[in-house]
PDB file of N, CA and C in Angstrom:
ATOM      1  N   MET A   1       0.846  -1.171   0.000  1.00  0.00           N
ATOM      2  CA  MET A   1       0.000   0.000   0.000  1.00  0.00           C
ATOM      3  C   MET A   1       0.899   1.244   0.000  1.00  0.00           C
ATOM      4  N   TYR A   2       0.688   2.144  -0.930  1.00  0.00           N
ATOM      5  CA  TYR A   2       1.522   3.325  -1.066  1.00  0.00           C
ATOM      6  C   TYR A   2       0.912   4.562  -0.430  1.00  0.00           C
ATOM      7  N   PHE A   3      -0.371   4.510  -0.091  1.00  0.00           N
ATOM      8  CA  PHE A   3      -1.025   5.683   0.452  1.00  0.00           C
ATOM      9  C   PHE A   3      -1.024   5.647   1.963  1.00  0.00           C
ATOM     10  N   GLY A   4      -0.843   6.795   2.578  1.00  0.00           N
ATOM     11  CA  GLY A   4      -0.941   6.879   4.027  1.00  0.00           C
ATOM     12  C   GLY A   4       0.159   7.722   4.629  1.00  0.00           C
ATOM     13  N   LEU A   5       0.139   7.812   5.946  1.00  0.00           N
ATOM     14  CA  LEU A   5       1.136   8.560   6.695  1.00  0.00           C
ATOM     15  C   LEU A   5       2.124   7.590   7.303  1.00  0.00           C
ATOM     16  N   ARG A   6       3.387   7.852   7.059  1.00  0.00           N
ATOM     17  CA  ARG A   6       4.431   7.020   7.645  1.00  0.00           C
ATOM     18  C   ARG A   6       5.348   7.914   8.476  1.00  0.00           C
ATOM     19  N   PRO A   7       5.453   7.638   9.774  1.00  0.00           N
ATOM     20  CA  PRO A   7       6.310   8.466  10.620  1.00  0.00           C
ATOM     21  C   PRO A   7       7.784   8.242  10.281  1.00  0.00           C
ATOM     22  N   ILE A   8       8.547   9.317  10.321  1.00  0.00           N
ATOM     23  CA  ILE A   8       9.994   9.245  10.137  1.00  0.00           C
ATOM     24  C   ILE A   8      10.607   9.689  11.453  1.00  0.00           C
ATOM     25  N   GLY A   9      11.251   8.754  12.134  1.00  0.00           N
ATOM     26  CA  GLY A   9      11.827   9.025  13.442  1.00  0.00           C
ATOM     27  C   GLY A   9      13.123   9.813  13.362  1.00  0.00           C
ATOM     28  N   ALA A  10      13.625  10.196  14.537  1.00  0.00           N
ATOM     29  CA  ALA A  10      14.850  10.994  14.612  1.00  0.00           C
ATOM     30  C   ALA A  10      16.034  10.256  13.995  1.00  0.00           C
ATOM     31  N   ASP A  11      16.132   8.943  14.244  1.00  0.00           N
ATOM     32  CA  ASP A  11      17.236   8.173  13.665  1.00  0.00           C
ATOM     33  C   ASP A  11      17.165   8.145  12.142  1.00  0.00           C
ATOM     34  N   GLN A  12      15.956   8.003  11.609  1.00  0.00           N
ATOM     35  CA  GLN A  12      15.794   8.008  10.155  1.00  0.00           C
ATOM     36  C   GLN A  12      16.080   9.393   9.578  1.00  0.00           C
ATOM     37  N   MET A  13      15.760  10.446  10.317  1.00  0.00           N
ATOM     38  CA  MET A  13      16.077  11.801   9.865  1.00  0.00           C
ATOM     39  C   MET A  13      17.589  11.997   9.786  1.00  0.00           C
ATOM     40  N   LYS A  14      18.322  11.488  10.781  1.00  0.00           N
ATOM     41  CA  LYS A  14      19.789  11.571  10.743  1.00  0.00           C
ATOM     42  C   LYS A  14      20.342  10.776   9.568  1.00  0.00           C
ATOM     43  N   GLU A  15      19.778   9.598   9.346  1.00  0.00           N
ATOM     44  CA  GLU A  15      20.217   8.783   8.207  1.00  0.00           C
ATOM     45  C   GLU A  15      19.900   9.499   6.896  1.00  0.00           C
ATOM     46  N   LEU A  16      18.742  10.102   6.822  1.00  0.00           N
ATOM     47  CA  LEU A  16      18.353  10.866   5.635  1.00  0.00           C
ATOM     48  C   LEU A  16      19.362  11.974   5.353  1.00  0.00           C
ATOM     49  N   ALA A  17      19.756  12.691   6.380  1.00  0.00           N
ATOM     50  CA  ALA A  17      20.730  13.772   6.209  1.00  0.00           C
ATOM     51  C   ALA A  17      22.082  13.245   5.740  1.00  0.00           C
ATOM     52  N   SER A  18      22.447  12.036   6.172  1.00  0.00           N
ATOM     53  CA  SER A  18      23.753  11.496   5.794  1.00  0.00           C
ATOM     54  C   SER A  18      23.782  10.908   4.387  1.00  0.00           C
ATOM     55  N   VAL A  19      22.631  10.540   3.825  1.00  0.00           N
ATOM     56  CA  VAL A  19      22.607   9.909   2.495  1.00  0.00           C
ATOM     57  C   VAL A  19      21.989  10.809   1.429  1.00  0.00           C
ATOM     58  N   ILE A  20      21.760  12.061   1.758  1.00  0.00           N
ATOM     59  CA  ILE A  20      21.040  12.962   0.856  1.00  0.00           C
ATOM     60  C   ILE A  20      21.722  13.097  -0.505  1.00  0.00           C
ATOM     61  N   ASP A  21      23.031  12.968  -0.567  1.00  0.00           N
ATOM     62  CA  ASP A  21      23.757  13.119  -1.827  1.00  0.00           C
ATOM     63  C   ASP A  21      24.024  11.796  -2.542  1.00  0.00           C
ATOM     64  N   ASP A  22      23.551  10.705  -1.982  1.00  0.00           N
ATOM     65  CA  ASP A  22      23.765   9.386  -2.582  1.00  0.00           C
ATOM     66  C   ASP A  22      22.416   8.813  -3.026  1.00  0.00           C
ATOM     67  N   PRO A  23      22.109   8.878  -4.330  1.00  0.00           N
ATOM     68  CA  PRO A  23      20.781   8.456  -4.802  1.00  0.00           C
ATOM     69  C   PRO A  23      20.449   6.999  -4.491  1.00  0.00           C
ATOM     70  N   ILE A  24      21.431   6.128  -4.513  1.00  0.00           N
ATOM     71  CA  ILE A  24      21.154   4.706  -4.250  1.00  0.00           C
ATOM     72  C   ILE A  24      20.789   4.504  -2.789  1.00  0.00           C
ATOM     73  N   SER A  25      21.566   5.094  -1.887  1.00  0.00           N
ATOM     74  CA  SER A  25      21.252   4.978  -0.460  1.00  0.00           C
ATOM     75  C   SER A  25      19.931   5.651  -0.136  1.00  0.00           C
ATOM     76  N   MET A  26      19.665   6.783  -0.801  1.00  0.00           N
ATOM     77  CA  MET A  26      18.398   7.478  -0.586  1.00  0.00           C
ATOM     78  C   MET A  26      17.226   6.606  -1.031  1.00  0.00           C
ATOM     79  N   SER A  27      17.380   5.927  -2.161  1.00  0.00           N
ATOM     80  CA  SER A  27      16.335   5.038  -2.656  1.00  0.00           C
ATOM     81  C   SER A  27      16.108   3.877  -1.687  1.00  0.00           C
ATOM     82  N   ASP A  28      17.195   3.335  -1.147  1.00  0.00           N
ATOM     83  CA  ASP A  28      17.070   2.242  -0.174  1.00  0.00           C
ATOM     84  C   ASP A  28      16.331   2.708   1.083  1.00  0.00           C
ATOM     85  N   LEU A  29      16.678   3.898   1.559  1.00  0.00           N
ATOM     86  CA  LEU A  29      16.012   4.433   2.749  1.00  0.00           C
ATOM     87  C   LEU A  29      14.532   4.674   2.470  1.00  0.00           C
ATOM     88  N   ALA A  30      14.219   5.235   1.314  1.00  0.00           N
ATOM     89  CA  ALA A  30      12.818   5.467   0.947  1.00  0.00           C
ATOM     90  C   ALA A  30      12.058   4.147   0.884  1.00  0.00           C
ATOM     91  N   SER A  31      12.688   3.110   0.350  1.00  0.00           N
ATOM     92  CA  SER A  31      12.037   1.795   0.282  1.00  0.00           C
ATOM     93  C   SER A  31      11.731   1.260   1.672  1.00  0.00           C
ATOM     94  N   ARG A  32      12.676   1.422   2.586  1.00  0.00           N
ATOM     95  CA  ARG A  32      12.442   0.948   3.958  1.00  0.00           C
ATOM     96  C   ARG A  32      11.309   1.720   4.623  1.00  0.00           C
ATOM     97  N   ILE A  33      11.265   3.026   4.394  1.00  0.00           N
ATOM     98  CA  ILE A  33      10.199   3.835   4.992  1.00  0.00           C
ATOM     99  C   ILE A  33       8.848   3.439   4.397  1.00  0.00           C
ATOM    100  N   LEU A  34       8.818   3.211   3.076  1.00  0.00           N
ATOM    101  CA  LEU A  34       7.563   2.839   2.421  1.00  0.00           C
ATOM    102  C   LEU A  34       7.064   1.456   2.840  1.00  0.00           C
ATOM    103  N   LYS A  35       7.958   0.595   3.307  1.00  0.00           N
ATOM    104  CA  LYS A  35       7.541  -0.735   3.767  1.00  0.00           C
ATOM    105  C   LYS A  35       6.874  -0.684   5.135  1.00  0.00           C
ATOM    106  N   GLN A  36       7.028   0.436   5.843  1.00  0.00           N
ATOM    107  CA  GLN A  36       6.357   0.578   7.133  1.00  0.00           C
ATOM    108  C   GLN A  36       4.858   0.702   6.893  1.00  0.00           C
ATOM    109  N   SER A  37       4.089   0.167   7.790  1.00  0.00           N
ATOM    110  CA  SER A  37       2.628   0.289   7.681  1.00  0.00           C
ATOM    111  C   SER A  37       2.214   1.721   7.976  1.00  0.00           C
ATOM    112  N   PRO A  38       1.258   2.260   7.219  1.00  0.00           N
ATOM    113  CA  PRO A  38       0.761   3.609   7.508  1.00  0.00           C
ATOM    114  C   PRO A  38       0.124   3.658   8.893  1.00  0.00           C
ATOM    115  N   VAL A  39       0.156   4.842   9.502  1.00  0.00           N
ATOM    116  CA  VAL A  39      -0.412   5.024  10.837  1.00  0.00           C
ATOM    117  C   VAL A  39      -1.503   6.090  10.784  1.00  0.00           C
ATOM    118  N   ALA A  40      -2.293   6.135  11.830  1.00  0.00           N
ATOM    119  CA  ALA A  40      -3.349   7.152  11.947  1.00  0.00           C
ATOM    120  C   ALA A  40      -2.709   8.517  12.165  1.00  0.00           C
ATOM    121  N   SER A  41      -3.441   9.561  11.801  1.00  0.00           N
ATOM    122  CA  SER A  41      -2.884  10.916  11.898  1.00  0.00           C
ATOM    123  C   SER A  41      -2.516  11.301  13.328  1.00  0.00           C
ATOM    124  N   ASN A  42      -3.266  10.825  14.308  1.00  0.00           N
ATOM    125  CA  ASN A  42      -2.928  11.176  15.689  1.00  0.00           C
ATOM    126  C   ASN A  42      -1.627  10.496  16.137  1.00  0.00           C
ATOM    127  N   GLU A  43      -1.295   9.337  15.581  1.00  0.00           N
ATOM    128  CA  GLU A  43      -0.021   8.680  15.892  1.00  0.00           C
ATOM    129  C   GLU A  43       1.132   9.394  15.190  1.00  0.00           C
ATOM    130  N   ALA A  44       0.898   9.886  14.000  1.00  0.00           N
ATOM    131  CA  ALA A  44       1.940  10.542  13.219  1.00  0.00           C
ATOM    132  C   ALA A  44       2.264  11.931  13.731  1.00  0.00           C
ATOM    133  N   ALA A  45       1.408  12.499  14.560  1.00  0.00           N
ATOM    134  CA  ALA A  45       1.612  13.867  15.038  1.00  0.00           C
ATOM    135  C   ALA A  45       2.753  13.984  16.038  1.00  0.00           C
ATOM    136  N   ASN A  46       3.210  12.882  16.600  1.00  0.00           N
ATOM    137  CA  ASN A  46       4.231  12.928  17.654  1.00  0.00           C
ATOM    138  C   ASN A  46       5.627  12.581  17.166  1.00  0.00           C
ATOM    139  N   VAL A  47       5.888  12.705  15.878  1.00  0.00           N
ATOM    140  CA  VAL A  47       7.196  12.366  15.329  1.00  0.00           C
ATOM    141  C   VAL A  47       7.798  13.591  14.638  1.00  0.00           C
ATOM    142  N   PRO A  48       9.133  13.592  14.437  1.00  0.00           N
ATOM    143  CA  PRO A  48       9.775  14.760  13.819  1.00  0.00           C
ATOM    144  C   PRO A  48       9.322  15.038  12.382  1.00  0.00           C
ATOM    145  N   ALA A  49       9.015  13.983  11.619  1.00  0.00           N
ATOM    146  CA  ALA A  49       8.623  14.182  10.219  1.00  0.00           C
ATOM    147  C   ALA A  49       7.674  13.075   9.800  1.00  0.00           C
ATOM    148  N   ILE A  50       6.927  13.353   8.732  1.00  0.00           N
ATOM    149  CA  ILE A  50       5.946  12.397   8.225  1.00  0.00           C
ATOM    150  C   ILE A  50       6.114  12.288   6.716  1.00  0.00           C
ATOM    151  N   LEU A  51       6.093  11.083   6.214  1.00  0.00           N
ATOM    152  CA  LEU A  51       6.049  10.849   4.775  1.00  0.00           C
ATOM    153  C   LEU A  51       4.589  10.615   4.429  1.00  0.00           C
ATOM    154  N   HIS A  52       4.066  11.433   3.520  1.00  0.00           N
ATOM    155  CA  HIS A  52       2.645  11.379   3.167  1.00  0.00           C
ATOM    156  C   HIS A  52       2.507  10.852   1.747  1.00  0.00           C
ATOM    157  N   GLY A  53       1.670   9.845   1.531  1.00  0.00           N
ATOM    158  CA  GLY A  53       1.508   9.238   0.216  1.00  0.00           C
ATOM    159  C   GLY A  53       0.289   9.739  -0.498  1.00  0.00           C
ATOM    160  N   PRO A  54       0.006   9.343  -1.703  1.00  0.00           N
ATOM    161  CA  PRO A  54       0.629   8.189  -2.350  1.00  0.00           C
ATOM    162  C   PRO A  54       2.045   8.498  -2.840  1.00  0.00           C
ATOM    163  N   ILE A  55       2.869   7.495  -2.817  1.00  0.00           N
ATOM    164  CA  ILE A  55       4.271   7.607  -3.221  1.00  0.00           C
ATOM    165  C   ILE A  55       4.520   6.621  -4.343  1.00  0.00           C
ATOM    166  N   LEU A  56       5.115   7.079  -5.387  1.00  0.00           N
ATOM    167  CA  LEU A  56       5.565   6.201  -6.458  1.00  0.00           C
ATOM    168  C   LEU A  56       7.074   6.262  -6.473  1.00  0.00           C
ATOM    169  N   GLN A  57       7.715   5.117  -6.439  1.00  0.00           N
ATOM    170  CA  GLN A  57       9.163   5.078  -6.355  1.00  0.00           C
ATOM    171  C   GLN A  57       9.710   4.187  -7.448  1.00  0.00           C
ATOM    172  N   SER A  58      10.756   4.657  -8.076  1.00  0.00           N
ATOM    173  CA  SER A  58      11.440   3.863  -9.086  1.00  0.00           C
ATOM    174  C   SER A  58      12.584   3.115  -8.426  1.00  0.00           C
ATOM    175  N   PRO A  59      12.784   1.871  -8.795  1.00  0.00           N
ATOM    176  CA  PRO A  59      13.905   1.140  -8.220  1.00  0.00           C
ATOM    177  C   PRO A  59      15.250   1.648  -8.731  1.00  0.00           C
ATOM    178  N   ARG A  60      15.225   2.456  -9.808  1.00  0.00           N
ATOM    179  CA  ARG A  60      16.467   2.994 -10.363  1.00  0.00           C
ATOM    180  C   ARG A  60      16.697   4.400  -9.831  1.00  0.00           C
ATOM    181  N   PRO A  61      17.944   4.747  -9.541  1.00  0.00           N
ATOM    182  CA  PRO A  61      18.224   6.116  -9.101  1.00  0.00           C
ATOM    183  C   PRO A  61      18.011   7.118 -10.227  1.00  0.00           C
ATOM    184  N   ILE A  62      17.977   8.367  -9.869  1.00  0.00           N
ATOM    185  CA  ILE A  62      17.638   9.415 -10.829  1.00  0.00           C
ATOM    186  C   ILE A  62      18.645   9.527 -11.969  1.00  0.00           C
ATOM    187  N   GLU A  63      19.888   9.095 -11.770  1.00  0.00           N
ATOM    188  CA  GLU A  63      20.869   9.160 -12.848  1.00  0.00           C
ATOM    189  C   GLU A  63      20.484   8.282 -14.025  1.00  0.00           C
ATOM    190  N   ALA A  64      19.571   7.360 -13.805  1.00  0.00           N
ATOM    191  CA  ALA A  64      19.176   6.445 -14.862  1.00  0.00           C
ATOM    192  C   ALA A  64      18.187   7.069 -15.842  1.00  0.00           C
ATOM    193  N   ILE A  65      17.821   8.326 -15.622  1.00  0.00           N
ATOM    194  CA  ILE A  65      16.902   8.997 -16.541  1.00  0.00           C
ATOM    195  C   ILE A  65      17.576   9.088 -17.903  1.00  0.00           C
ATOM    196  N   SER A  66      16.814   8.834 -18.931  1.00  0.00           N
ATOM    197  CA  SER A  66      17.381   8.796 -20.274  1.00  0.00           C
ATOM    198  C   SER A  66      17.915  10.151 -20.701  1.00  0.00           C
ATOM    199  N   SER A  67      18.826  10.131 -21.655  1.00  0.00           N
ATOM    200  CA  SER A  67      19.380  11.385 -22.166  1.00  0.00           C
ATOM    201  C   SER A  67      18.292  12.189 -22.874  1.00  0.00           C
ATOM    202  N   ALA A  68      17.326  11.499 -23.500  1.00  0.00           N
ATOM    203  CA  ALA A  68      16.225  12.208 -24.154  1.00  0.00           C
ATOM    204  C   ALA A  68      15.419  12.997 -23.133  1.00  0.00           C
ATOM    205  N   HIS A  69      15.213  12.419 -21.952  1.00  0.00           N
ATOM    206  CA  HIS A  69      14.491  13.119 -20.896  1.00  0.00           C
ATOM    207  C   HIS A  69      15.283  14.332 -20.428  1.00  0.00           C
ATOM    208  N   SER A  70      16.586  14.166 -20.269  1.00  0.00           N
ATOM    209  CA  SER A  70      17.434  15.278 -19.838  1.00  0.00           C
ATOM    210  C   SER A  70      17.412  16.401 -20.868  1.00  0.00           C
ATOM    211  N   GLU A  71      17.467  16.053 -22.149  1.00  0.00           N
ATOM    212  CA  GLU A  71      17.423  17.059 -23.213  1.00  0.00           C
ATOM    213  C   GLU A  71      16.081  17.794 -23.204  1.00  0.00           C
ATOM    214  N   LEU A  72      15.001  17.055 -23.026  1.00  0.00           N
ATOM    215  CA  LEU A  72      13.673  17.663 -22.962  1.00  0.00           C
ATOM    216  C   LEU A  72      13.573  18.595 -21.759  1.00  0.00           C
ATOM    217  N   ASP A  73      14.101  18.168 -20.630  1.00  0.00           N
ATOM    218  CA  ASP A  73      14.077  18.989 -19.435  1.00  0.00           C
ATOM    219  C   ASP A  73      14.812  20.307 -19.678  1.00  0.00           C
ATOM    220  N   GLU A  74      15.978  20.250 -20.295  1.00  0.00           N
ATOM    221  CA  GLU A  74      16.736  21.465 -20.584  1.00  0.00           C
ATOM    222  C   GLU A  74      15.989  22.368 -21.563  1.00  0.00           C
ATOM    223  N   LYS A  75      15.368  21.771 -22.578  1.00  0.00           N
ATOM    224  CA  LYS A  75      14.596  22.556 -23.546  1.00  0.00           C
ATOM    225  C   LYS A  75      13.437  23.275 -22.852  1.00  0.00           C
ATOM    226  N   LEU A  76      12.739  22.580 -21.965  1.00  0.00           N
ATOM    227  CA  LEU A  76      11.625  23.188 -21.237  1.00  0.00           C
ATOM    228  C   LEU A  76      12.108  24.314 -20.327  1.00  0.00           C
ATOM    229  N   ARG A  77      13.264  24.129 -19.697  1.00  0.00           N
ATOM    230  CA  ARG A  77      13.820  25.180 -18.848  1.00  0.00           C
ATOM    231  C   ARG A  77      14.167  26.426 -19.662  1.00  0.00           C
ATOM    232  N   ARG A  78      14.764  26.228 -20.860  1.00  0.00           N
ATOM    233  CA  ARG A  78      15.082  27.368 -21.727  1.00  0.00           C
ATOM    234  C   ARG A  78      13.815  28.104 -22.151  1.00  0.00           C
ATOM    235  N   GLN A  79      12.783  27.342 -22.526  1.00  0.00           N
ATOM    236  CA  GLN A  79      11.527  27.962 -22.943  1.00  0.00           C
ATOM    237  C   GLN A  79      10.881  28.733 -21.789  1.00  0.00           C
ATOM    238  N   LEU A  80      10.941  28.176 -20.598  1.00  0.00           N
ATOM    239  CA  LEU A  80      10.382  28.866 -19.436  1.00  0.00           C
ATOM    240  C   LEU A  80      11.142  30.162 -19.168  1.00  0.00           C
ATOM    241  N   ARG A  81      12.474  30.122 -19.218  1.00  0.00           N
ATOM    242  CA  ARG A  81      13.257  31.347 -19.033  1.00  0.00           C
ATOM    243  C   ARG A  81      12.893  32.386 -20.092  1.00  0.00           C
ATOM    244  N   HIS A  82      12.715  31.943 -21.326  1.00  0.00           N
ATOM    245  CA  HIS A  82      12.345  32.850 -22.409  1.00  0.00           C
ATOM    246  C   HIS A  82      10.985  33.512 -22.124  1.00  0.00           C
ATOM    247  N   ILE A  83      10.020  32.726 -21.718  1.00  0.00           N
ATOM    248  CA  ILE A  83       8.681  33.265 -21.429  1.00  0.00           C
ATOM    249  C   ILE A  83       8.739  34.229 -20.253  1.00  0.00           C
ATOM    250  N   ILE A  84       9.467  33.876 -19.224  1.00  0.00           N
ATOM    251  CA  ILE A  84       9.573  34.764 -18.059  1.00  0.00           C
ATOM    252  C   ILE A  84      10.251  36.073 -18.453  1.00  0.00           C
ATOM    253  N   ASN A  85      11.343  35.975 -19.227  1.00  0.00           N
ATOM    254  CA  ASN A  85      12.033  37.197 -19.660  1.00  0.00           C
ATOM    255  C   ASN A  85      11.166  38.050 -20.577  1.00  0.00           C
ATOM    256  N   ARG A  86      10.344  37.417 -21.389  1.00  0.00           N
ATOM    257  CA  ARG A  86       9.490  38.148 -22.324  1.00  0.00           C
ATOM    258  C   ARG A  86       8.287  38.782 -21.626  1.00  0.00           C
ATOM    259  N   ASP A  87       7.601  38.015 -20.812  1.00  0.00           N
ATOM    260  CA  ASP A  87       6.327  38.472 -20.245  1.00  0.00           C
ATOM    261  C   ASP A  87       6.421  39.002 -18.816  1.00  0.00           C
ATOM    262  N   PHE A  88       7.436  38.606 -18.090  1.00  0.00           N
ATOM    263  CA  PHE A  88       7.529  38.978 -16.680  1.00  0.00           C
ATOM    264  C   PHE A  88       8.916  39.514 -16.338  1.00  0.00           C
ATOM    265  N   ARG A  89       9.476  40.294 -17.246  1.00  0.00           N
ATOM    266  CA  ARG A  89      10.838  40.818 -17.060  1.00  0.00           C
ATOM    267  C   ARG A  89      10.971  41.541 -15.721  1.00  0.00           C
ATOM    268  N   HIS A  90       9.929  42.211 -15.300  1.00  0.00           N
ATOM    269  CA  HIS A  90       9.978  42.967 -14.043  1.00  0.00           C
ATOM    270  C   HIS A  90      10.233  42.081 -12.831  1.00  0.00           C
ATOM    271  N   THR A  91      10.007  40.770 -12.949  1.00  0.00           N
ATOM    272  CA  THR A  91      10.227  39.884 -11.796  1.00  0.00           C
ATOM    273  C   THR A  91      11.665  39.395 -11.705  1.00  0.00           C
ATOM    274  N   VAL A  92      12.448  39.583 -12.771  1.00  0.00           N
ATOM    275  CA  VAL A  92      13.817  39.061 -12.763  1.00  0.00           C
ATOM    276  C   VAL A  92      14.877  40.140 -12.806  1.00  0.00           C
ATOM    277  N   THR A  93      14.498  41.385 -13.061  1.00  0.00           N
ATOM    278  CA  THR A  93      15.480  42.456 -13.083  1.00  0.00           C
ATOM    279  C   THR A  93      15.414  43.232 -11.781  1.00  0.00           C
ATOM    280  N   PRO A  94      16.566  43.620 -11.274  1.00  0.00           N
ATOM    281  CA  PRO A  94      16.564  44.377 -10.004  1.00  0.00           C
ATOM    282  C   PRO A  94      16.067  45.802 -10.219  1.00  0.00           C
ATOM    283  N   TYR A  95      15.477  46.335  -9.198  1.00  0.00           N
ATOM    284  CA  TYR A  95      15.010  47.717  -9.248  1.00  0.00           C
ATOM    285  C   TYR A  95      16.174  48.643  -8.903  1.00  0.00           C
ATOM    286  N   ILE A  96      16.240  49.759  -9.578  1.00  0.00           N
ATOM    287  CA  ILE A  96      17.315  50.727  -9.322  1.00  0.00           C
ATOM    288  C   ILE A  96      16.717  51.986  -8.737  1.00  0.00           C
TER     289      ILE A  96
END
């Protein structure tokens, strides 16, 4: 079951902080958290953090994204910058 509230304890928060830059370890930690049974909201209120679902997780780390996806992502970012510069220039230029 992927939906529900899963408490993340202090030890898991420390582990999360230590593996944040390692996609494989992060995926393993996420898998372990997702294997926990969901709890009621009143039980989840007494923990440092809560993972709220539904959660979809890929067994492959993010580096496995195809080059076509990466190229599309970059193209979309360029188009977004273009639109922002064209239509909302006042939000990106400093006021003098």
